Amino acid sequence: MAGANRSTRGRLVPYCMFTEPPLARVGLSEREAQQQGVRVRIARLPMTGVRRVATTGETQGFMKVLVGASDDRVLGFTMIGAEAGEVMAVVQTAMLADMPYPRLRDAILAHPTMAEGLGDLFAKVPPRSSS
């Protein structure tokens, strides 16, 4: 763009589709992880589990996160729901900082916001297997 020699290779590129409700994704999808042989732990949270929806009524959708099976790195995030792009940006920032998911899980986020649902989502990440 603008004459610069740039590439998306090796970069964490977000994806947003501004439908109703919006769809946002960053990092690996569940299918991509499977195809690449990347072992992951998966957590899901329906939008009805996000406190903000009590004030907005926007209950459609879900959040899903992929975390490394043997470490606490966030490898991918998908959300279908109100403010999906904004919530995804929070997770993307954590991924860029190589922040382990418990730091985000335990963060105190503003209430009531859609991003606050990340704490509940990350609380559902299964523990590492002992194998």
C-alpha atoms as a PDB file:
ATOM      1  CA  MET A   1       0.000   0.000   0.000  1.00  0.00           C
ATOM      2  CA  ALA A   2       1.208   3.488  -0.874  1.00  0.00           C
ATOM      3  CA  GLY A   3       4.292   1.998  -2.535  1.00  0.00           C
ATOM      4  CA  ALA A   4       5.610   0.233   0.566  1.00  0.00           C
ATOM      5  CA  ASN A   5       6.808  -3.359   0.380  1.00  0.00           C
ATOM      6  CA  ARG A   6       4.628  -4.966   3.052  1.00  0.00           C
ATOM      7  CA  SER A   7       3.444  -8.462   3.839  1.00  0.00           C
ATOM      8  CA  THR A   8       0.991 -10.132   6.185  1.00  0.00           C
ATOM      9  CA  ARG A   9       3.303 -13.161   6.471  1.00  0.00           C
ATOM     10  CA  GLY A  10       4.131 -13.865  10.107  1.00  0.00           C
ATOM     11  CA  ARG A  11       1.712 -11.214  11.341  1.00  0.00           C
ATOM     12  CA  LEU A  12      -1.442 -11.580  13.425  1.00  0.00           C
ATOM     13  CA  VAL A  13      -4.129 -10.329  11.044  1.00  0.00           C
ATOM     14  CA  PRO A  14      -7.665  -9.890  12.415  1.00  0.00           C
ATOM     15  CA  TYR A  15     -10.813 -10.667  10.476  1.00  0.00           C
ATOM     16  CA  CYS A  16     -14.126  -8.860  10.985  1.00  0.00           C
ATOM     17  CA  MET A  17     -17.386  -9.170   9.136  1.00  0.00           C
ATOM     18  CA  PHE A  18     -19.839  -6.441  10.077  1.00  0.00           C
ATOM     19  CA  THR A  19     -23.010  -8.459   9.757  1.00  0.00           C
ATOM     20  CA  GLU A  20     -25.809  -8.594  12.305  1.00  0.00           C
ATOM     21  CA  PRO A  21     -24.513  -9.880  14.661  1.00  0.00           C
ATOM     22  CA  PRO A  22     -20.870  -9.176  13.765  1.00  0.00           C
ATOM     23  CA  LEU A  23     -18.252 -11.914  13.370  1.00  0.00           C
ATOM     24  CA  ALA A  24     -14.628 -11.401  14.410  1.00  0.00           C
ATOM     25  CA  ARG A  25     -11.680 -13.774  14.455  1.00  0.00           C
ATOM     26  CA  VAL A  26      -7.946 -13.610  15.069  1.00  0.00           C
ATOM     27  CA  GLY A  27      -5.322 -16.352  15.118  1.00  0.00           C
ATOM     28  CA  LEU A  28      -6.134 -19.987  14.518  1.00  0.00           C
ATOM     29  CA  SER A  29      -9.601 -21.378  14.027  1.00  0.00           C
ATOM     30  CA  GLU A  30     -10.442 -24.762  15.471  1.00  0.00           C
ATOM     31  CA  ARG A  31     -10.266 -26.295  11.980  1.00  0.00           C
ATOM     32  CA  GLU A  32      -6.879 -24.702  11.219  1.00  0.00           C
ATOM     33  CA  ALA A  33      -5.436 -25.958  14.494  1.00  0.00           C
ATOM     34  CA  GLN A  34      -6.661 -29.459  13.668  1.00  0.00           C
ATOM     35  CA  GLN A  35      -5.269 -29.321  10.112  1.00  0.00           C
ATOM     36  CA  GLN A  36      -1.890 -28.094  11.386  1.00  0.00           C
ATOM     37  CA  GLY A  37      -1.743 -30.694  14.163  1.00  0.00           C
ATOM     38  CA  VAL A  38      -1.708 -28.008  16.856  1.00  0.00           C
ATOM     39  CA  ARG A  39      -3.086 -29.358  20.125  1.00  0.00           C
ATOM     40  CA  VAL A  40      -5.384 -26.880  21.847  1.00  0.00           C
ATOM     41  CA  ARG A  41      -7.718 -26.453  24.766  1.00  0.00           C
ATOM     42  CA  ILE A  42     -11.026 -24.856  23.790  1.00  0.00           C
ATOM     43  CA  ALA A  43     -13.449 -22.773  25.806  1.00  0.00           C
ATOM     44  CA  ARG A  44     -16.823 -21.458  24.662  1.00  0.00           C
ATOM     45  CA  LEU A  45     -19.226 -18.954  26.160  1.00  0.00           C
ATOM     46  CA  PRO A  46     -22.669 -18.171  24.759  1.00  0.00           C
ATOM     47  CA  MET A  47     -23.433 -14.464  24.616  1.00  0.00           C
ATOM     48  CA  THR A  48     -26.193 -15.092  27.142  1.00  0.00           C
ATOM     49  CA  GLY A  49     -23.335 -15.660  29.631  1.00  0.00           C
ATOM     50  CA  VAL A  50     -22.035 -12.096  29.154  1.00  0.00           C
ATOM     51  CA  ARG A  51     -23.409  -9.669  31.729  1.00  0.00           C
ATOM     52  CA  ARG A  52     -23.660  -6.771  29.264  1.00  0.00           C
ATOM     53  CA  VAL A  53     -26.448  -8.475  27.315  1.00  0.00           C
ATOM     54  CA  ALA A  54     -28.785  -7.921  30.265  1.00  0.00           C
ATOM     55  CA  THR A  55     -28.712  -4.210  29.370  1.00  0.00           C
ATOM     56  CA  THR A  56     -28.621  -4.524  25.572  1.00  0.00           C
ATOM     57  CA  GLY A  57     -30.771  -7.582  24.888  1.00  0.00           C
ATOM     58  CA  GLU A  58     -28.287  -8.664  22.166  1.00  0.00           C
ATOM     59  CA  THR A  59     -28.091 -12.340  23.127  1.00  0.00           C
ATOM     60  CA  GLN A  60     -27.194 -13.911  19.765  1.00  0.00           C
ATOM     61  CA  GLY A  61     -23.809 -15.530  19.349  1.00  0.00           C
ATOM     62  CA  PHE A  62     -20.854 -16.874  21.304  1.00  0.00           C
ATOM     63  CA  MET A  63     -17.180 -16.420  22.131  1.00  0.00           C
ATOM     64  CA  LYS A  64     -14.605 -19.172  21.586  1.00  0.00           C
ATOM     65  CA  VAL A  65     -10.922 -19.261  22.482  1.00  0.00           C
ATOM     66  CA  LEU A  66      -8.140 -21.702  21.601  1.00  0.00           C
ATOM     67  CA  VAL A  67      -5.300 -21.988  24.109  1.00  0.00           C
ATOM     68  CA  GLY A  68      -2.168 -24.089  23.680  1.00  0.00           C
ATOM     69  CA  ALA A  69      -2.523 -27.587  25.130  1.00  0.00           C
ATOM     70  CA  SER A  70       0.852 -27.465  26.874  1.00  0.00           C
ATOM     71  CA  ASP A  71       1.150 -23.753  27.651  1.00  0.00           C
ATOM     72  CA  ASP A  72      -1.149 -20.823  28.388  1.00  0.00           C
ATOM     73  CA  ARG A  73      -0.719 -18.954  25.095  1.00  0.00           C
ATOM     74  CA  VAL A  74      -3.859 -17.781  23.332  1.00  0.00           C
ATOM     75  CA  LEU A  75      -3.716 -19.191  19.805  1.00  0.00           C
ATOM     76  CA  GLY A  76      -7.061 -18.079  18.431  1.00  0.00           C
ATOM     77  CA  PHE A  77     -10.289 -16.279  19.218  1.00  0.00           C
ATOM     78  CA  THR A  78     -13.658 -16.177  17.464  1.00  0.00           C
ATOM     79  CA  MET A  79     -16.731 -14.201  18.413  1.00  0.00           C
ATOM     80  CA  ILE A  80     -20.140 -13.811  16.868  1.00  0.00           C
ATOM     81  CA  GLY A  81     -22.064 -11.160  18.741  1.00  0.00           C
ATOM     82  CA  ALA A  82     -22.469  -7.474  19.430  1.00  0.00           C
ATOM     83  CA  GLU A  83     -19.149  -5.571  19.535  1.00  0.00           C
ATOM     84  CA  ALA A  84     -17.244  -8.640  18.286  1.00  0.00           C
ATOM     85  CA  GLY A  85     -14.538  -6.561  16.606  1.00  0.00           C
ATOM     86  CA  GLU A  86     -13.907  -4.530  19.741  1.00  0.00           C
ATOM     87  CA  VAL A  87     -13.698  -7.602  21.978  1.00  0.00           C
ATOM     88  CA  MET A  88     -11.463  -9.368  19.458  1.00  0.00           C
ATOM     89  CA  ALA A  89      -9.053  -6.414  19.565  1.00  0.00           C
ATOM     90  CA  VAL A  90      -8.569  -6.984  23.308  1.00  0.00           C
ATOM     91  CA  VAL A  91      -7.630 -10.620  22.699  1.00  0.00           C
ATOM     92  CA  GLN A  92      -5.431  -9.694  19.729  1.00  0.00           C
ATOM     93  CA  THR A  93      -3.515  -7.247  21.925  1.00  0.00           C
ATOM     94  CA  ALA A  94      -2.975  -9.969  24.542  1.00  0.00           C
ATOM     95  CA  MET A  95      -1.788 -12.329  21.804  1.00  0.00           C
ATOM     96  CA  LEU A  96       0.640  -9.746  20.419  1.00  0.00           C
ATOM     97  CA  ALA A  97       2.031  -9.243  23.928  1.00  0.00           C
ATOM     98  CA  ASP A  98       2.350 -13.046  24.318  1.00  0.00           C
ATOM     99  CA  MET A  99       0.303 -12.686  27.490  1.00  0.00           C
ATOM    100  CA  PRO A 100      -0.776 -15.966  29.115  1.00  0.00           C
ATOM    101  CA  TYR A 101      -4.562 -16.282  29.235  1.00  0.00           C
ATOM    102  CA  PRO A 102      -4.819 -16.249  33.082  1.00  0.00           C
ATOM    103  CA  ARG A 103      -3.650 -12.610  33.078  1.00  0.00           C
ATOM    104  CA  LEU A 104      -6.673 -11.660  30.992  1.00  0.00           C
ATOM    105  CA  ARG A 105      -8.960 -14.058  32.863  1.00  0.00           C
ATOM    106  CA  ASP A 106      -8.072 -12.419  36.174  1.00  0.00           C
ATOM    107  CA  ALA A 107      -8.096  -8.804  34.921  1.00  0.00           C
ATOM    108  CA  ILE A 108     -10.693  -6.420  36.286  1.00  0.00           C
ATOM    109  CA  LEU A 109     -12.494  -5.083  33.217  1.00  0.00           C
ATOM    110  CA  ALA A 110     -15.110  -2.324  33.153  1.00  0.00           C
ATOM    111  CA  HIS A 111     -18.659  -3.413  34.012  1.00  0.00           C
ATOM    112  CA  PRO A 112     -20.900  -3.877  32.145  1.00  0.00           C
ATOM    113  CA  THR A 113     -19.008  -4.310  28.871  1.00  0.00           C
ATOM    114  CA  MET A 114     -18.905  -7.040  26.257  1.00  0.00           C
ATOM    115  CA  ALA A 115     -15.160  -7.417  26.903  1.00  0.00           C
ATOM    116  CA  GLU A 116     -15.934  -8.258  30.527  1.00  0.00           C
ATOM    117  CA  GLY A 117     -17.229 -11.574  29.192  1.00  0.00           C
ATOM    118  CA  LEU A 118     -13.621 -12.563  28.452  1.00  0.00           C
ATOM    119  CA  GLY A 119     -13.080 -13.300  32.143  1.00  0.00           C
ATOM    120  CA  ASP A 120     -15.925 -15.811  32.100  1.00  0.00           C
ATOM    121  CA  LEU A 121     -14.737 -17.276  28.793  1.00  0.00           C
ATOM    122  CA  PHE A 122     -11.150 -17.762  29.988  1.00  0.00           C
ATOM    123  CA  ALA A 123     -12.410 -19.244  33.255  1.00  0.00           C
ATOM    124  CA  LYS A 124     -13.807 -22.108  31.129  1.00  0.00           C
ATOM    125  CA  VAL A 125     -10.420 -23.067  29.612  1.00  0.00           C
ATOM    126  CA  PRO A 126      -9.800 -26.699  30.599  1.00  0.00           C
ATOM    127  CA  PRO A 127      -6.689 -27.369  32.707  1.00  0.00           C
ATOM    128  CA  ARG A 128      -3.564 -28.704  31.012  1.00  0.00           C
ATOM    129  CA  SER A 129      -3.562 -32.464  30.685  1.00  0.00           C
ATOM    130  CA  SER A 130      -0.919 -34.304  32.686  1.00  0.00           C
ATOM    131  CA  SER A 131       0.147 -36.391  29.675  1.00  0.00           C
END
